[in-house]
Amino acid sequence: MFYLEVDRQLKTNRKLLKTYSYKGYTTVQKAELINDGFNPNFFTHYWKNKRGDVYLFVYDYGFLDLEKSGKSNI
């Protein structure tokens, strides 16, 4: 059961990131993503750049939480 729940949430997260980033790089309100069913606690891997920003990925789509502005960058 746990595996199925995690898999379902990862698929939902990927689908939402893909939908919002249809043109590539975009900025989306975090609340909007969460209202659509996105859960930022479910991701497959991460990448840290030279500035120390940590991008979380759901398979092939990544996002950066910009806490200062209350937006998520995907």
Protein backbone atom coordinates (compact mmCIF):
# COMPACT_ATOMS: atom_id res chain seq x y z
CA MET A 1 0.00 0.00 0.00
CA PHE A 2 2.73 2.49 0.94
CA TYR A 3 4.55 1.96 -2.37
CA LEU A 4 1.36 2.62 -4.33
CA GLU A 5 0.67 5.83 -2.41
CA VAL A 6 4.19 7.13 -2.99
CA ASP A 7 4.08 6.16 -6.67
CA ARG A 8 0.70 7.87 -7.10
CA GLN A 9 1.94 11.11 -5.49
CA LEU A 10 5.15 11.13 -7.57
CA LYS A 11 3.10 10.70 -10.75
CA THR A 12 0.77 13.52 -9.68
CA ASN A 13 3.71 15.81 -8.90
CA ARG A 14 5.38 15.06 -12.25
CA LYS A 15 2.16 15.64 -14.15
CA LEU A 16 1.66 19.03 -12.47
CA LEU A 17 5.25 20.13 -13.06
CA LYS A 18 5.00 19.09 -16.70
CA THR A 19 1.71 20.97 -17.10
CA TYR A 20 3.03 24.19 -15.59
CA SER A 21 6.40 24.07 -17.37
CA TYR A 22 5.10 23.44 -20.88
CA LYS A 23 7.28 26.33 -22.14
CA GLY A 24 10.28 25.39 -20.01
CA TYR A 25 11.24 27.67 -17.13
CA THR A 26 8.33 29.29 -15.29
CA THR A 27 7.32 30.67 -11.89
CA VAL A 28 4.16 29.44 -10.17
CA GLN A 29 2.56 30.29 -6.85
CA LYS A 30 3.33 27.52 -4.40
CA ALA A 31 -0.23 27.59 -3.08
CA GLU A 32 -1.56 27.04 -6.60
CA LEU A 33 0.56 23.92 -7.04
CA ILE A 34 -0.47 22.56 -3.65
CA ASN A 35 -4.17 23.25 -4.36
CA ASP A 36 -3.82 21.17 -7.52
CA GLY A 37 -2.52 18.22 -5.48
CA PHE A 38 1.25 18.81 -5.52
CA ASN A 39 3.16 17.62 -2.44
CA PRO A 40 6.73 19.03 -2.28
CA ASN A 41 7.75 16.32 0.19
CA PHE A 42 7.67 13.72 -2.60
CA PHE A 43 10.59 13.93 -5.05
CA THR A 44 13.03 11.50 -6.65
CA HIS A 45 16.34 13.34 -6.36
CA TYR A 46 17.93 16.74 -5.86
CA TRP A 47 20.69 18.92 -7.29
CA LYS A 48 22.60 21.69 -5.53
CA ASN A 49 24.12 24.48 -7.63
CA LYS A 50 27.25 26.53 -6.85
CA ARG A 51 25.20 29.22 -5.08
CA GLY A 52 23.76 26.62 -2.72
CA ASP A 53 20.25 26.54 -4.20
CA VAL A 54 18.73 23.07 -3.94
CA TYR A 55 16.53 22.00 -6.85
CA LEU A 56 14.22 19.07 -6.13
CA PHE A 57 13.31 16.80 -9.03
CA VAL A 58 10.40 14.52 -9.77
CA TYR A 59 11.94 12.28 -12.40
CA ASP A 60 12.84 14.70 -15.22
CA TYR A 61 11.11 17.88 -13.93
CA GLY A 62 12.69 20.04 -11.25
CA PHE A 63 11.58 22.84 -8.98
CA LEU A 64 13.17 25.40 -6.71
CA ASP A 65 11.25 26.71 -3.75
CA LEU A 66 11.66 30.49 -3.64
CA GLU A 67 10.56 31.11 -0.06
CA LYS A 68 11.18 34.86 -0.17
CA SER A 69 8.48 35.49 -2.75
CA GLY A 70 6.18 32.61 -1.85
CA LYS A 71 6.55 31.14 -5.33
CA SER A 72 7.94 27.89 -6.64
CA ASN A 73 10.17 27.99 -9.66
CA ILE A 74 9.76 25.04 -11.98
